[in-house]
């Protein structure tokens, strides 16, 4: 038993042969499109622009102007945007497309789910590199239609079982070579995990800088968040102590951060011993979680937020993942997720696991889960007030955290944590674009930007839940209207009933 984050071992290489009905080859240039009389929510701090016409041509935004001033290009497809609101395509900045052994899971389920829910870009946070390359190639060349994907390849971590998903490093030299290998293999950045040693973390940071790669990921359990931030990560992931190994940022706010790290290390060592008492280990884990929730040290919090801001380190809280992982009460069955879009076997495993958890849950355990959820929201609220750069991410695909729908849940949780609806939307649009160095081509609705858009039938600035009310998704200039999106979801339901 190991109390750090579990990941499945990926399957052997499977050639992607999926063809979505009606999907054009990526090399085919989309016809011009004019979205007329629409309200543009451009993701800048400027107010929305009403009665606009947005012209798309060759996969980019060719013009945004008052409808009365725009001539519709000859042969353009016209979309009547009256009463609708257009936002940039959404980014989920923490997903895993290829960390499970299920053959073609991403192509058959995850990618269509993302697009059907307006997610036109994702940052994959670790998985089988060969599978990610396949998925990206299928999207770039056809036949698969899908989001933009930024990915690191395998995780860089401490001792692990052999797997295409992991680069296990135990020395500084091995850590440096792992970074160089990822550079050769085309990784967009380096993803670090929880069991990385201090020596290896420093080596990863130094070599990443030499290779002009950024690194991002967990706060390793052997280090404080302050040490990790000083090493220069682009982003740090997770805020909840639902799994204590993911709680490095919250741990930095406590009054006894070194003692908590010592307790966590002792817990993991005890879990590796043959014949470990599982119940006793779980009691020790709950005690560690409780200590994360004690009144925080205000000076430590301020120092943490100042360090994050000084180093430009972004935070991806993955609030939806931590809340889905732990049932909050006996009625919490995870039914909020549209499970009809999940493979049948996986769906049943999730439901059975949740039932077993609920059946065995004590009032104390459920109270702790609620406290962890509330504390996670409180920490993100404090970060936002301090100006920390926060990005929306979900950690999909995991139990009850579905790629696509979960991003809308995450936006709602950000608003619950004190973000304005605009700030929450920016955390899934312009902030990721700037983080990725793509602000010239993505993140806002302006001339010259890529034609990745979402049309909504109600304003998300009035109610963030309106991001779910999608009428049209545009990805790379290709229009998926409501009938096309419904057809995609219908096909997913059919696949979800398959054995």
Protein backbone atom coordinates (compact mmCIF):
# COMPACT_ATOMS: atom_id res chain seq x y z
CA UNK A 1 0.00 0.00 0.00
CA UNK A 2 1.34 3.41 -0.96
CA UNK A 3 -0.20 6.70 0.05
CA UNK A 4 0.80 8.73 -2.98
CA UNK A 5 -1.10 9.26 -6.17
CA UNK A 6 -1.97 6.04 -8.07
CA UNK A 7 -1.79 5.86 -11.84
CA UNK A 8 -2.66 2.94 -14.06
CA UNK A 9 -0.07 1.33 -16.30
CA UNK A 10 -0.80 2.03 -19.94
CA UNK A 11 -1.50 -0.59 -22.54
CA UNK A 12 0.79 -1.49 -25.40
CA UNK A 13 0.73 0.63 -28.51
CA UNK A 14 -2.58 0.59 -30.39
CA UNK A 15 -2.92 2.17 -33.82
CA UNK A 16 -5.59 4.84 -33.88
CA UNK A 17 -8.14 3.97 -36.54
CA UNK A 18 -11.13 5.90 -35.24
CA UNK A 19 -13.09 7.94 -37.79
CA UNK A 20 -15.82 10.22 -36.49
CA UNK A 21 -18.78 10.46 -38.84
CA UNK A 22 -18.62 13.58 -40.90
CA UNK A 23 -15.15 14.60 -39.71
CA UNK A 24 -13.18 16.33 -42.48
CA UNK A 25 -9.48 15.80 -42.89
CA UNK A 26 -7.52 18.36 -40.88
CA UNK A 27 -5.78 19.52 -44.06
CA UNK A 28 -9.13 20.67 -45.50
CA UNK A 29 -9.55 24.39 -45.02
CA UNK A 30 -12.90 25.25 -43.39
CA UNK A 31 -15.17 27.54 -45.37
CA UNK A 32 -15.53 31.13 -44.10
CA UNK A 33 -17.98 31.54 -41.22
CA UNK A 34 -19.85 34.64 -40.05
CA UNK A 35 -21.41 34.70 -36.59
CA UNK A 36 -23.78 37.64 -36.78
CA UNK A 37 -25.39 39.90 -34.16
CA UNK A 38 -23.70 38.11 -31.27
CA UNK A 39 -22.48 39.48 -27.93
CA UNK A 40 -18.72 39.04 -27.66
CA UNK A 41 -17.17 38.28 -24.27
CA UNK A 42 -13.59 38.70 -25.36
CA UNK A 43 -11.88 37.76 -22.01
CA UNK A 44 -10.21 41.13 -21.61
CA UNK A 45 -11.35 43.35 -18.75
CA UNK A 46 -13.39 45.42 -21.23
CA UNK A 47 -17.18 45.04 -21.07
CA UNK A 48 -18.92 42.67 -23.52
CA UNK A 49 -19.56 43.98 -27.03
CA UNK A 50 -23.14 43.59 -28.23
CA UNK A 51 -24.45 43.20 -31.80
CA UNK A 52 -21.12 42.10 -33.21
CA UNK A 53 -20.28 40.00 -36.26
CA UNK A 54 -17.32 37.67 -35.98
CA UNK A 55 -15.87 36.48 -39.30
CA UNK A 56 -13.73 33.34 -39.40
CA UNK A 57 -11.58 32.45 -42.38
CA UNK A 58 -8.98 29.71 -42.84
CA UNK A 59 -9.12 28.77 -39.19
CA UNK A 60 -8.52 32.25 -37.76
CA UNK A 61 -10.64 35.20 -36.70
CA UNK A 62 -10.60 37.58 -39.65
CA UNK A 63 -12.75 40.36 -38.22
CA UNK A 64 -14.70 41.39 -35.12
CA UNK A 65 -16.83 44.49 -35.54
CA UNK A 66 -20.27 46.03 -35.21
CA UNK A 67 -22.65 43.97 -37.33
CA UNK A 68 -23.75 46.97 -39.39
CA UNK A 69 -20.14 47.53 -40.52
CA UNK A 70 -19.31 44.00 -41.62
CA UNK A 71 -19.82 42.63 -45.12
CA UNK A 72 -20.41 38.86 -45.03
CA UNK A 73 -17.87 37.05 -47.24
CA UNK A 74 -19.30 35.39 -50.31
CA UNK A 75 -20.05 31.73 -49.69
CA UNK A 76 -19.66 32.04 -45.93
CA UNK A 77 -21.67 29.92 -43.54
CA UNK A 78 -23.81 32.33 -41.53
CA UNK A 79 -24.67 31.61 -37.89
CA UNK A 80 -27.35 33.86 -36.43
CA UNK A 81 -25.97 34.85 -33.03
CA UNK A 82 -28.90 36.95 -31.86
CA UNK A 83 -29.43 36.44 -28.16
CA UNK A 84 -26.21 34.42 -27.89
CA UNK A 85 -22.83 35.02 -26.30
CA UNK A 86 -19.47 33.96 -27.70
CA UNK A 87 -16.40 33.19 -25.60
CA UNK A 88 -12.99 31.77 -26.54
CA UNK A 89 -12.62 28.00 -26.50
CA UNK A 90 -11.90 26.70 -23.00
CA UNK A 91 -8.66 25.13 -21.78
CA UNK A 92 -8.43 22.39 -19.15
CA UNK A 93 -4.92 22.77 -17.76
CA UNK A 94 -4.69 19.40 -15.99
CA UNK A 95 -5.92 16.25 -17.74
CA UNK A 96 -4.59 12.76 -18.35
CA UNK A 97 -5.44 11.40 -21.80
CA UNK A 98 -3.14 8.38 -21.79
CA UNK A 99 -2.56 7.15 -18.27
CA UNK A 100 -4.95 4.20 -18.43
CA UNK A 101 -4.64 0.84 -20.19
CA UNK A 102 -8.03 1.05 -21.93
CA UNK A 103 -7.36 0.86 -25.66
CA UNK A 104 -8.55 3.92 -27.57
CA UNK A 105 -10.19 5.40 -24.45
CA UNK A 106 -9.03 8.91 -25.37
CA UNK A 107 -10.07 8.71 -29.02
CA UNK A 108 -13.41 7.01 -28.41
CA UNK A 109 -14.53 8.85 -25.27
CA UNK A 110 -12.30 11.60 -23.87
CA UNK A 111 -11.60 13.69 -26.96
CA UNK A 112 -15.25 13.81 -28.12
CA UNK A 113 -16.37 14.64 -24.57
CA UNK A 114 -13.94 17.54 -24.40
CA UNK A 115 -15.12 19.10 -27.66
CA UNK A 116 -18.80 18.52 -26.90
CA UNK A 117 -18.33 20.62 -23.75
CA UNK A 118 -16.42 23.48 -25.37
CA UNK A 119 -12.93 22.42 -24.31
CA UNK A 120 -10.73 23.19 -27.32
CA UNK A 121 -7.36 22.95 -25.56
CA UNK A 122 -5.83 20.75 -22.85
CA UNK A 123 -2.56 20.48 -20.99
CA UNK A 124 -1.95 16.77 -20.53
CA UNK A 125 -0.12 16.21 -17.25
CA UNK A 126 1.56 12.90 -17.88
CA UNK A 127 0.97 9.58 -19.57
CA UNK A 128 2.20 7.16 -22.18
CA UNK A 129 4.16 9.38 -24.61
CA UNK A 130 3.59 7.14 -27.62
CA UNK A 131 -0.17 7.29 -27.10
CA UNK A 132 -0.12 11.09 -26.78
CA UNK A 133 1.84 11.35 -30.03
CA UNK A 134 -0.73 9.11 -31.73
CA UNK A 135 -3.62 11.21 -30.50
CA UNK A 136 -1.98 14.47 -31.57
CA UNK A 137 -1.11 13.05 -34.98
CA UNK A 138 -4.67 11.79 -35.50
CA UNK A 139 -6.00 15.27 -34.70
CA UNK A 140 -3.41 17.09 -36.82
CA UNK A 141 -3.79 14.92 -39.93
CA UNK A 142 -7.28 13.52 -39.40
CA UNK A 143 -9.45 11.57 -39.05
CA UNK A 144 -9.87 12.58 -35.38
CA UNK A 145 -11.25 15.98 -34.47
CA UNK A 146 -10.01 17.16 -31.11
CA UNK A 147 -8.49 19.89 -28.93
CA UNK A 148 -5.02 21.39 -28.97
CA UNK A 149 -2.79 19.28 -26.71
CA UNK A 150 0.29 20.33 -24.75
CA UNK A 151 2.02 17.38 -23.05
CA UNK A 152 5.15 16.41 -21.08
CA UNK A 153 5.37 12.72 -21.85
CA UNK A 154 6.10 10.45 -18.86
CA UNK A 155 6.29 11.57 -15.23
CA UNK A 156 9.69 12.22 -13.68
CA UNK A 157 9.65 10.76 -10.17
CA UNK A 158 11.53 8.76 -7.59
CA UNK A 159 11.63 4.94 -7.49
CA UNK A 160 8.78 3.46 -9.53
CA UNK A 161 7.89 0.23 -11.30
CA UNK A 162 8.98 0.04 -14.92
CA UNK A 163 6.39 1.66 -17.21
CA UNK A 164 6.26 3.86 -20.31
CA UNK A 165 4.54 6.43 -18.09
CA UNK A 166 7.42 6.94 -15.64
CA UNK A 167 11.01 8.09 -15.70
CA UNK A 168 12.27 6.83 -12.36
CA UNK A 169 15.31 8.80 -11.16
CA UNK A 170 17.30 8.36 -7.95
CA UNK A 171 20.42 10.42 -8.69
CA UNK A 172 21.07 13.92 -10.00
CA UNK A 173 22.79 12.46 -13.08
CA UNK A 174 19.76 10.29 -13.86
CA UNK A 175 17.44 13.27 -13.39
CA UNK A 176 19.46 15.38 -15.82
CA UNK A 177 19.49 12.60 -18.40
CA UNK A 178 15.72 12.15 -18.02
CA UNK A 179 15.21 15.82 -18.85
CA UNK A 180 17.56 15.61 -21.86
CA UNK A 181 15.73 12.50 -23.09
CA UNK A 182 12.35 14.23 -22.80
CA UNK A 183 13.74 17.15 -24.79
CA UNK A 184 14.90 14.79 -27.56
CA UNK A 185 11.52 13.08 -27.58
CA UNK A 186 9.65 16.34 -28.09
CA UNK A 187 8.14 16.93 -24.65
CA UNK A 188 6.57 20.36 -24.24
CA UNK A 189 7.61 20.51 -20.58
CA UNK A 190 8.69 18.25 -17.70
CA UNK A 191 6.17 16.88 -15.17
CA UNK A 192 7.49 16.13 -11.67
CA UNK A 193 5.80 13.86 -9.14
CA UNK A 194 5.57 13.49 -5.39
CA UNK A 195 8.43 11.12 -4.54
CA UNK A 196 11.22 13.08 -6.24
CA UNK A 197 14.17 13.71 -3.91
CA UNK A 198 15.62 17.15 -3.19
CA UNK A 199 18.78 16.30 -5.14
CA UNK A 200 16.79 15.16 -8.15
CA UNK A 201 14.41 18.14 -8.04
CA UNK A 202 17.34 20.55 -8.17
CA UNK A 203 18.86 18.59 -11.06
CA UNK A 204 15.55 18.63 -12.96
CA UNK A 205 15.23 22.38 -12.45
CA UNK A 206 18.78 23.12 -13.59
CA UNK A 207 18.68 20.82 -16.62
CA UNK A 208 15.24 22.04 -17.65
CA UNK A 209 16.61 25.57 -17.74
CA UNK A 210 19.58 24.43 -19.87
CA UNK A 211 17.25 22.62 -22.27
CA UNK A 212 14.85 25.58 -22.40
CA UNK A 213 12.05 23.46 -21.03
CA UNK A 214 9.79 24.40 -18.17
CA UNK A 215 8.86 21.99 -15.42
CA UNK A 216 5.62 21.70 -13.47
CA UNK A 217 3.76 19.33 -11.21
CA UNK A 218 3.55 18.31 -7.58
CA UNK A 219 5.35 19.60 -4.52
CA UNK A 220 7.55 16.55 -3.77
CA UNK A 221 6.93 15.20 -0.28
CA UNK A 222 10.61 15.56 0.69
CA UNK A 223 10.60 19.33 0.14
CA UNK A 224 8.69 22.35 1.31
CA UNK A 225 6.67 24.33 -1.20
CA UNK A 226 9.03 27.25 -0.58
CA UNK A 227 12.03 25.18 -1.76
CA UNK A 228 10.16 23.99 -4.84
CA UNK A 229 8.95 27.46 -5.80
CA UNK A 230 12.51 28.79 -5.50
CA UNK A 231 13.58 26.16 -8.06
CA UNK A 232 11.33 27.83 -10.63
CA UNK A 233 8.38 25.59 -11.59
CA UNK A 234 5.97 26.98 -14.16
CA UNK A 235 3.00 25.68 -12.19
CA UNK A 236 2.16 23.66 -9.10
CA UNK A 237 -0.83 21.34 -8.97
CA UNK A 238 -3.48 20.51 -6.35
CA UNK A 239 -4.41 22.16 -3.06
CA UNK A 240 -6.45 19.56 -1.18
CA UNK A 241 -5.15 17.12 1.46
CA UNK A 242 -7.55 14.46 0.11
CA UNK A 243 -4.30 12.66 -0.65
CA UNK A 244 -1.67 14.10 1.72
CA UNK A 245 1.03 13.75 -0.93
CA UNK A 246 -0.85 16.28 -3.08
CA UNK A 247 -1.14 18.89 -0.33
CA UNK A 248 2.25 20.60 -0.49
CA UNK A 249 0.77 24.06 -0.98
CA UNK A 250 -1.65 23.73 1.91
CA UNK A 251 1.05 22.13 4.05
CA UNK A 252 3.20 25.25 3.58
CA UNK A 253 0.48 27.27 5.30
CA UNK A 254 0.41 25.17 8.46
CA UNK A 255 2.19 25.90 11.73
CA UNK A 256 4.29 22.71 11.58
CA UNK A 257 5.16 22.08 7.94
CA UNK A 258 8.42 20.17 8.69
CA UNK A 259 6.63 17.95 11.23
CA UNK A 260 3.88 17.17 8.74
CA UNK A 261 6.44 16.17 6.11
CA UNK A 262 8.13 13.89 8.65
CA UNK A 263 4.79 12.27 9.50
CA UNK A 264 3.99 11.77 5.84
CA UNK A 265 7.37 10.19 5.18
CA UNK A 266 6.92 7.83 8.15
CA UNK A 267 3.44 6.91 6.90
CA UNK A 268 4.72 6.01 3.45
CA UNK A 269 7.57 3.98 4.93
CA UNK A 270 5.14 2.07 7.16
CA UNK A 271 2.88 1.41 4.17
CA UNK A 272 5.74 -0.36 2.39
CA UNK A 273 6.25 -2.87 5.21
CA UNK A 274 4.90 -6.40 4.63
CA UNK A 275 1.78 -7.12 6.66
CA UNK A 276 0.96 -3.47 7.29
CA UNK A 277 -2.21 -2.83 9.28
CA UNK A 278 -4.39 -1.09 6.71
CA UNK A 279 -6.87 0.27 9.24
CA UNK A 280 -4.08 1.71 11.38
CA UNK A 281 -2.48 3.31 8.33
CA UNK A 282 -5.75 4.92 7.36
CA UNK A 283 -6.13 6.30 10.88
CA UNK A 284 -2.65 7.80 10.61
CA UNK A 285 -3.51 9.27 7.23
CA UNK A 286 -6.66 10.89 8.59
CA UNK A 287 -4.67 12.35 11.47
CA UNK A 288 -2.24 13.91 8.97
CA UNK A 289 -5.15 15.31 6.95
CA UNK A 290 -6.65 16.82 10.12
CA UNK A 291 -3.37 18.59 10.88
CA UNK A 292 -3.48 20.28 7.46
CA UNK A 293 -6.81 21.85 8.44
CA UNK A 294 -5.76 23.40 11.73
CA UNK A 295 -5.67 27.23 11.80
CA UNK A 296 -3.06 28.30 9.29
CA UNK A 297 -0.05 30.48 9.93
CA UNK A 298 -0.89 33.89 8.43
CA UNK A 299 2.78 34.79 8.01
CA UNK A 300 3.49 31.51 6.22
CA UNK A 301 0.52 32.05 3.90
CA UNK A 302 1.69 35.55 3.02
CA UNK A 303 5.20 34.29 2.34
CA UNK A 304 3.81 31.48 0.16
CA UNK A 305 1.67 33.82 -1.91
CA UNK A 306 4.49 36.36 -2.22
CA UNK A 307 6.87 33.63 -3.41
CA UNK A 308 4.34 32.35 -5.97
CA UNK A 309 3.87 35.87 -7.31
CA UNK A 310 7.58 36.74 -7.30
CA UNK A 311 8.52 33.64 -9.27
CA UNK A 312 5.48 33.79 -11.56
CA UNK A 313 4.40 30.31 -10.50
CA UNK A 314 0.84 29.46 -11.49
CA UNK A 315 -1.41 27.21 -9.40
CA UNK A 316 -3.89 24.64 -10.74
CA UNK A 317 -6.06 23.73 -7.72
CA UNK A 318 -8.07 20.82 -9.27
CA UNK A 319 -10.87 21.46 -6.80
CA UNK A 320 -13.30 19.21 -8.66
CA UNK A 321 -10.95 16.24 -8.45
CA UNK A 322 -10.51 16.47 -4.69
CA UNK A 323 -14.24 16.85 -4.13
CA UNK A 324 -15.10 13.93 -6.41
CA UNK A 325 -12.50 11.70 -4.74
CA UNK A 326 -14.07 11.97 -1.30
CA UNK A 327 -17.80 11.53 -0.66
CA UNK A 328 -19.12 14.48 1.33
CA UNK A 329 -22.23 12.76 2.76
CA UNK A 330 -24.20 9.53 2.49
CA UNK A 331 -26.22 10.82 -0.47
CA UNK A 332 -23.08 11.67 -2.45
CA UNK A 333 -23.06 9.01 -5.16
CA UNK A 334 -21.25 11.00 -7.81
CA UNK A 335 -24.45 11.17 -9.86
CA UNK A 336 -23.68 14.77 -10.90
CA UNK A 337 -21.34 13.34 -13.56
CA UNK A 338 -23.00 12.25 -16.85
CA UNK A 339 -21.90 8.64 -16.50
CA UNK A 340 -23.77 7.52 -19.63
CA UNK A 341 -20.72 8.76 -21.53
CA UNK A 342 -18.31 6.45 -19.66
CA UNK A 343 -17.44 2.89 -20.74
CA UNK A 344 -19.79 0.49 -18.99
CA UNK A 345 -17.14 -1.48 -17.12
CA UNK A 346 -15.47 1.66 -15.83
CA UNK A 347 -18.81 3.17 -14.85
CA UNK A 348 -19.70 0.13 -12.77
CA UNK A 349 -16.30 0.09 -11.08
CA UNK A 350 -16.74 3.73 -10.09
CA UNK A 351 -20.26 3.18 -8.76
CA UNK A 352 -19.35 0.04 -6.85
CA UNK A 353 -16.32 1.72 -5.30
CA UNK A 354 -18.41 4.71 -4.20
CA UNK A 355 -21.08 2.42 -2.74
CA UNK A 356 -18.47 0.52 -0.74
CA UNK A 357 -17.04 3.80 0.51
CA UNK A 358 -20.46 5.13 1.53
CA UNK A 359 -21.42 1.86 3.22
CA UNK A 360 -18.26 1.93 5.34
CA UNK A 361 -18.19 5.68 5.97
CA UNK A 362 -18.42 7.04 9.49
CA UNK A 363 -19.85 10.44 10.42
CA UNK A 364 -16.32 11.50 11.38
CA UNK A 365 -14.92 10.54 7.97
CA UNK A 366 -17.63 12.45 6.10
CA UNK A 367 -17.15 15.48 8.34
CA UNK A 368 -13.42 15.39 7.56
CA UNK A 369 -14.19 15.22 3.83
CA UNK A 370 -16.41 18.30 4.06
CA UNK A 371 -13.76 20.14 6.04
CA UNK A 372 -11.11 19.30 3.42
CA UNK A 373 -13.38 20.59 0.66
CA UNK A 374 -14.11 23.80 2.57
CA UNK A 375 -10.43 24.36 3.41
CA UNK A 376 -9.44 23.86 -0.24
CA UNK A 377 -11.91 26.52 -1.29
CA UNK A 378 -10.65 28.82 1.47
CA UNK A 379 -7.03 28.43 0.34
CA UNK A 380 -7.91 29.18 -3.29
CA UNK A 381 -9.96 32.17 -2.15
CA UNK A 382 -6.94 33.52 -0.27
CA UNK A 383 -4.65 32.89 -3.25
CA UNK A 384 -6.98 34.77 -5.56
CA UNK A 385 -7.19 37.74 -3.20
CA UNK A 386 -3.39 37.81 -3.05
CA UNK A 387 -3.13 37.92 -6.85
CA UNK A 388 -1.77 34.40 -7.36
CA UNK A 389 -2.20 33.28 -10.96
CA UNK A 390 -4.73 30.43 -10.92
CA UNK A 391 -5.64 28.23 -13.90
CA UNK A 392 -8.62 25.91 -14.28
CA UNK A 393 -7.80 22.21 -14.36
CA UNK A 394 -9.63 19.06 -13.36
CA UNK A 395 -7.29 16.04 -13.24
CA UNK A 396 -9.71 14.22 -15.53
CA UNK A 397 -9.94 11.33 -16.29
CA UNK A 398 -10.60 9.79 -12.89
CA UNK A 399 -13.50 8.46 -10.86
CA UNK A 400 -16.48 10.79 -11.42
CA UNK A 401 -14.21 13.42 -13.00
CA UNK A 402 -15.13 13.34 -16.68
CA UNK A 403 -13.11 15.13 -19.31
CA UNK A 404 -15.26 18.03 -20.49
CA UNK A 405 -18.10 18.27 -17.96
CA UNK A 406 -15.67 18.51 -15.06
CA UNK A 407 -14.19 21.78 -16.35
CA UNK A 408 -17.59 23.45 -15.98
CA UNK A 409 -17.75 22.10 -12.42
CA UNK A 410 -14.28 23.54 -11.78
CA UNK A 411 -15.36 26.98 -13.05
CA UNK A 412 -18.35 26.86 -10.69
CA UNK A 413 -16.06 25.93 -7.78
CA UNK A 414 -13.74 28.83 -8.61
CA UNK A 415 -16.72 31.19 -8.41
CA UNK A 416 -17.67 29.54 -5.10
CA UNK A 417 -14.11 30.31 -3.97
CA UNK A 418 -14.62 34.01 -4.63
CA UNK A 419 -13.71 34.47 -8.31
CA UNK A 420 -15.99 36.64 -10.39
CA UNK A 421 -17.49 34.75 -13.34
CA UNK A 422 -15.13 36.70 -15.64
CA UNK A 423 -12.08 35.80 -13.55
CA UNK A 424 -13.10 32.14 -13.55
CA UNK A 425 -13.48 32.21 -17.34
CA UNK A 426 -10.12 33.94 -17.70
CA UNK A 427 -8.59 31.06 -15.69
CA UNK A 428 -9.64 28.78 -18.57
CA UNK A 429 -8.84 31.13 -21.48
CA UNK A 430 -6.47 34.09 -21.43
CA UNK A 431 -4.47 33.01 -18.36
CA UNK A 432 -3.59 29.61 -19.91
CA UNK A 433 -2.82 31.33 -23.23
CA UNK A 434 -0.32 33.64 -21.54
CA UNK A 435 1.10 30.77 -19.49
CA UNK A 436 1.70 28.75 -22.67
CA UNK A 437 3.13 31.71 -24.59
CA UNK A 438 0.17 31.63 -26.96
CA UNK A 439 -1.43 34.97 -26.14
CA UNK A 440 -0.83 36.17 -29.72
CA UNK A 441 -2.94 33.35 -31.14
CA UNK A 442 -5.31 32.19 -28.40
CA UNK A 443 -7.19 33.22 -25.29
CA UNK A 444 -9.25 36.19 -26.51
CA UNK A 445 -11.61 37.01 -29.36
CA UNK A 446 -9.62 39.32 -31.60
CA UNK A 447 -8.55 39.54 -35.21
CA UNK A 448 -5.74 37.10 -36.00
CA UNK A 449 -6.52 34.70 -33.14
CA UNK A 450 -7.25 31.04 -33.84
CA UNK A 451 -10.89 30.28 -34.48
CA UNK A 452 -11.60 28.33 -31.29
CA UNK A 453 -14.90 29.58 -29.93
CA UNK A 454 -17.93 28.57 -27.87
CA UNK A 455 -21.41 30.03 -28.39
CA UNK A 456 -23.73 30.10 -25.38
CA UNK A 457 -27.44 30.77 -25.17
CA UNK A 458 -27.09 32.78 -21.94
CA UNK A 459 -24.43 35.00 -20.43
CA UNK A 460 -21.85 33.26 -18.22
CA UNK A 461 -21.09 36.64 -16.64
CA UNK A 462 -24.54 36.60 -15.07
CA UNK A 463 -24.33 32.95 -14.00
CA UNK A 464 -21.21 30.83 -14.49
CA UNK A 465 -23.43 27.76 -14.92
CA UNK A 466 -24.40 29.17 -18.31
CA UNK A 467 -21.07 27.88 -19.71
CA UNK A 468 -22.94 24.57 -19.95
CA UNK A 469 -25.59 26.04 -22.27
CA UNK A 470 -23.60 25.49 -25.45
CA UNK A 471 -25.16 25.97 -28.87
CA UNK A 472 -22.03 25.77 -31.04
CA UNK A 473 -18.35 24.89 -30.69
CA UNK A 474 -15.76 26.07 -33.23
CA UNK A 475 -12.39 24.32 -33.20
CA UNK A 476 -9.69 25.36 -35.67
CA UNK A 477 -12.40 27.08 -37.70
CA UNK A 478 -14.59 23.97 -38.02
CA UNK A 479 -18.15 24.48 -36.78
CA UNK A 480 -19.87 21.91 -34.57
CA UNK A 481 -23.45 23.09 -34.17
CA UNK A 482 -25.88 21.73 -31.60
CA UNK A 483 -27.05 18.94 -33.86
CA UNK A 484 -23.45 17.83 -34.46
CA UNK A 485 -22.66 17.99 -30.74
CA UNK A 486 -25.79 16.02 -29.90
CA UNK A 487 -24.81 13.41 -32.47
CA UNK A 488 -21.37 13.10 -30.84
CA UNK A 489 -22.93 12.68 -27.41
CA UNK A 490 -25.45 10.19 -28.76
CA UNK A 491 -22.64 8.09 -30.20
CA UNK A 492 -20.87 8.23 -26.85
CA UNK A 493 -23.99 6.89 -25.12
CA UNK A 494 -24.08 4.01 -27.59
CA UNK A 495 -20.43 3.23 -26.91
CA UNK A 496 -21.07 3.51 -23.18
CA UNK A 497 -23.52 0.62 -23.42
CA UNK A 498 -21.03 -1.66 -25.12
CA UNK A 499 -19.48 -4.48 -23.04
